[in-house]
């Protein structure tokens, strides 16, 4: 039985790490939780009868989230909209010192929700990781160029962690409260609360 599943789509692995951190934080608060990759059968076959809340995260690449995440949400849209839920978007843009880049990251998160018809209780934008050591040569050079332009780390000999884990844990705490709220009160959750702000800037990495 799973109280609060944390679904995710990932490309370079950071969204998976964030999903696993959320699941761990939820378990530490007394809820059964597991991180599930939306491309795996376990995510699609989960027994949803006892689920009290749900989270789903995806990362931004070339201006959009993974299509696998959108497909999963559309397939389970009614279920997601009936539950207390949260969407977390992972990107490097949200960590930029340029306000325009942060605005763009928030707009991409909103676009994902508009296109899937999901209305989560919470929306969060988390900075990801510059995984230079995992990139091929061309992508590594491209990402270094972007990082230099945005005032970010350019040492390609190692990866650079930008995720603010305190903010990730805070989202888990919020969802725990929603999951434990009486069912009768869930209708008063209201419009999505957005935490799509700059969680950590390039310059503080």
Protein backbone atom coordinates (compact mmCIF):
# COMPACT_ATOMS: atom_id res chain seq x y z
CA UNK A 1 0.00 0.00 0.00
CA UNK A 2 1.28 3.46 -0.90
CA UNK A 3 -0.09 6.63 0.72
CA UNK A 4 1.75 9.16 -1.43
CA UNK A 5 3.48 8.03 -4.63
CA UNK A 6 6.06 10.34 -6.19
CA UNK A 7 6.03 9.90 -9.96
CA UNK A 8 8.82 11.33 -12.08
CA UNK A 9 10.31 11.61 -15.56
CA UNK A 10 14.04 12.17 -15.78
CA UNK A 11 16.73 12.62 -18.42
CA UNK A 12 20.00 13.22 -16.57
CA UNK A 13 18.94 11.71 -13.22
CA UNK A 14 18.40 14.76 -11.02
CA UNK A 15 14.60 14.59 -11.08
CA UNK A 16 14.86 10.99 -9.92
CA UNK A 17 17.05 12.08 -7.00
CA UNK A 18 14.55 14.79 -6.08
CA UNK A 19 11.68 12.30 -6.28
CA UNK A 20 13.56 9.86 -4.05
CA UNK A 21 14.30 12.64 -1.56
CA UNK A 22 10.61 13.57 -1.47
CA UNK A 23 9.60 9.93 -0.92
CA UNK A 24 12.14 9.61 1.88
CA UNK A 25 10.92 12.82 3.51
CA UNK A 26 7.32 11.62 3.32
CA UNK A 27 8.25 8.30 4.91
CA UNK A 28 10.06 10.12 7.72
CA UNK A 29 6.75 11.88 8.41
CA UNK A 30 4.90 8.59 8.76
CA UNK A 31 3.50 8.09 5.26
CA UNK A 32 4.17 5.18 2.93
CA UNK A 33 5.81 6.61 -0.18
CA UNK A 34 7.85 5.44 -3.12
CA UNK A 35 9.40 7.14 -6.16
CA UNK A 36 8.13 5.72 -9.45
CA UNK A 37 9.48 6.34 -12.96
CA UNK A 38 6.55 7.03 -15.30
CA UNK A 39 8.22 4.99 -18.04
CA UNK A 40 8.13 1.85 -15.89
CA UNK A 41 5.19 -0.51 -15.51
CA UNK A 42 5.18 -0.09 -11.71
CA UNK A 43 3.96 3.49 -12.09
CA UNK A 44 1.10 2.46 -14.37
CA UNK A 45 0.08 -0.59 -12.36
CA UNK A 46 0.13 1.04 -8.92
CA UNK A 47 -2.88 0.17 -6.77
CA UNK A 48 -4.36 3.64 -6.36
CA UNK A 49 -7.26 2.72 -4.06
CA UNK A 50 -5.50 3.82 -0.86
CA UNK A 51 -3.51 6.76 -2.20
CA UNK A 52 -4.04 9.93 -0.15
CA UNK A 53 -2.00 12.39 -2.25
CA UNK A 54 0.32 12.26 -5.25
CA UNK A 55 3.29 14.14 -6.66
CA UNK A 56 4.76 14.18 -10.13
CA UNK A 57 7.95 15.81 -11.33
CA UNK A 58 9.55 16.34 -14.71
CA UNK A 59 12.58 18.20 -16.00
CA UNK A 60 12.87 20.86 -18.67
CA UNK A 61 14.91 20.21 -21.79
CA UNK A 62 14.80 22.37 -24.92
CA UNK A 63 11.95 24.39 -23.48
CA UNK A 64 9.59 21.59 -22.50
CA UNK A 65 9.07 18.72 -20.07
CA UNK A 66 9.30 15.07 -21.04
CA UNK A 67 6.42 13.85 -23.18
CA UNK A 68 6.28 10.70 -21.04
CA UNK A 69 5.28 12.82 -18.04
CA UNK A 70 2.54 14.58 -20.01
CA UNK A 71 1.24 11.24 -21.29
CA UNK A 72 1.09 9.85 -17.76
CA UNK A 73 -0.78 12.85 -16.40
CA UNK A 74 -3.30 12.84 -19.24
CA UNK A 75 -3.96 9.14 -18.71
CA UNK A 76 -4.63 9.70 -15.00
CA UNK A 77 -5.87 13.29 -15.09
CA UNK A 78 -9.18 12.69 -13.32
CA UNK A 79 -7.41 10.84 -10.52
CA UNK A 80 -4.75 13.52 -10.11
CA UNK A 81 -7.40 16.23 -9.96
CA UNK A 82 -9.40 14.40 -7.29
CA UNK A 83 -6.44 14.14 -4.92
CA UNK A 84 -4.26 16.64 -3.09
CA UNK A 85 -1.32 16.75 -5.49
CA UNK A 86 1.84 18.59 -6.42
CA UNK A 87 3.80 19.16 -9.59
CA UNK A 88 7.51 19.91 -9.38
CA UNK A 89 9.40 21.20 -12.39
CA UNK A 90 13.18 20.80 -12.50
CA UNK A 91 15.33 23.10 -14.60
CA UNK A 92 18.55 25.09 -14.69
CA UNK A 93 16.76 28.24 -15.83
CA UNK A 94 15.07 28.69 -12.46
CA UNK A 95 18.56 29.08 -10.94
CA UNK A 96 19.61 31.80 -13.33
CA UNK A 97 20.57 35.23 -12.04
CA UNK A 98 18.62 36.61 -15.00
CA UNK A 99 14.97 37.20 -13.93
CA UNK A 100 13.81 36.58 -17.49
CA UNK A 101 15.11 33.01 -17.32
CA UNK A 102 13.24 32.39 -14.07
CA UNK A 103 10.05 33.74 -15.59
CA UNK A 104 10.53 31.43 -18.56
CA UNK A 105 10.91 28.41 -16.28
CA UNK A 106 7.69 29.29 -14.46
CA UNK A 107 5.88 29.77 -17.78
CA UNK A 108 7.02 26.32 -18.96
CA UNK A 109 5.69 24.76 -15.75
CA UNK A 110 2.34 26.49 -16.26
CA UNK A 111 2.25 25.39 -19.89
CA UNK A 112 2.67 21.76 -18.85
CA UNK A 113 -0.33 22.03 -16.54
CA UNK A 114 -2.43 23.86 -19.11
CA UNK A 115 -1.69 21.25 -21.77
CA UNK A 116 -2.44 18.28 -19.51
CA UNK A 117 -5.49 19.72 -17.73
CA UNK A 118 -4.00 19.02 -14.32
CA UNK A 119 -4.80 21.38 -11.44
CA UNK A 120 -2.40 20.45 -8.63
CA UNK A 121 -2.68 21.78 -5.10
CA UNK A 122 0.97 22.83 -5.15
CA UNK A 123 3.46 23.76 -7.87
CA UNK A 124 7.20 24.00 -7.23
CA UNK A 125 10.16 24.84 -9.45
CA UNK A 126 13.46 23.36 -8.33
CA UNK A 127 16.91 23.95 -9.73
CA UNK A 128 18.57 20.86 -11.14
CA UNK A 129 22.20 19.92 -11.58
CA UNK A 130 24.81 20.79 -14.14
CA UNK A 131 25.90 17.24 -14.86
CA UNK A 132 28.94 18.06 -16.97
CA UNK A 133 30.52 14.64 -16.42
CA UNK A 134 27.44 12.90 -17.83
CA UNK A 135 27.14 15.01 -20.95
CA UNK A 136 28.66 14.22 -24.31
CA UNK A 137 31.32 16.63 -25.56
CA UNK A 138 28.96 18.78 -27.63
CA UNK A 139 26.32 19.12 -24.91
CA UNK A 140 29.01 19.80 -22.31
CA UNK A 141 30.38 22.69 -24.35
CA UNK A 142 26.88 24.04 -25.00
CA UNK A 143 25.93 23.89 -21.33
CA UNK A 144 29.19 25.56 -20.31
CA UNK A 145 28.48 28.38 -22.75
CA UNK A 146 24.98 28.85 -21.32
CA UNK A 147 26.29 28.71 -17.76
CA UNK A 148 28.92 31.34 -18.49
CA UNK A 149 26.26 33.62 -19.99
CA UNK A 150 24.06 33.21 -16.90
CA UNK A 151 26.88 33.58 -14.40
CA UNK A 152 26.91 29.88 -13.54
CA UNK A 153 29.70 27.37 -12.85
CA UNK A 154 31.85 26.51 -15.85
CA UNK A 155 34.24 23.91 -14.42
CA UNK A 156 33.39 20.94 -16.64
CA UNK A 157 35.59 18.51 -14.71
CA UNK A 158 32.80 17.94 -12.18
CA UNK A 159 29.05 18.21 -11.71
CA UNK A 160 27.47 21.19 -9.93
CA UNK A 161 24.56 20.64 -7.55
CA UNK A 162 22.03 23.49 -7.67
CA UNK A 163 19.03 21.87 -5.98
CA UNK A 164 17.95 23.39 -2.68
CA UNK A 165 17.12 20.27 -0.68
CA UNK A 166 15.57 22.26 2.16
CA UNK A 167 12.94 23.51 -0.27
CA UNK A 168 12.34 19.98 -1.52
CA UNK A 169 11.75 18.77 2.04
CA UNK A 170 9.40 21.69 2.63
CA UNK A 171 7.23 20.53 -0.28
CA UNK A 172 7.02 17.06 1.27
CA UNK A 173 5.89 18.64 4.55
CA UNK A 174 3.15 20.59 2.77
CA UNK A 175 1.90 17.47 0.99
CA UNK A 176 1.95 15.52 4.24
CA UNK A 177 -0.42 18.07 5.76
CA UNK A 178 -2.73 17.86 2.75
CA UNK A 179 -2.68 14.05 2.74
CA UNK A 180 -3.66 13.95 6.41
CA UNK A 181 -6.43 16.53 6.08
CA UNK A 182 -9.97 15.16 6.45
CA UNK A 183 -11.45 14.22 3.09
CA UNK A 184 -14.34 16.64 3.63
CA UNK A 185 -11.92 19.57 3.82
CA UNK A 186 -10.02 18.76 0.64
CA UNK A 187 -12.53 20.61 -1.45
CA UNK A 188 -11.33 23.84 0.14
CA UNK A 189 -7.77 23.46 -1.07
CA UNK A 190 -8.45 26.17 -3.63
CA UNK A 191 -6.24 27.32 -6.46
CA UNK A 192 -2.73 25.91 -6.79
CA UNK A 193 -0.13 27.40 -4.45
CA UNK A 194 2.98 28.09 -6.46
CA UNK A 195 6.50 27.86 -5.12
CA UNK A 196 8.00 28.45 -8.55
CA UNK A 197 10.57 30.92 -7.38
CA UNK A 198 14.33 30.90 -7.64
CA UNK A 199 15.34 28.13 -5.24
CA UNK A 200 19.06 28.70 -5.64
CA UNK A 201 20.97 30.97 -7.95
CA UNK A 202 23.96 30.16 -10.13
CA UNK A 203 26.02 32.51 -8.03
CA UNK A 204 25.34 30.63 -4.79
CA UNK A 205 26.26 27.23 -6.21
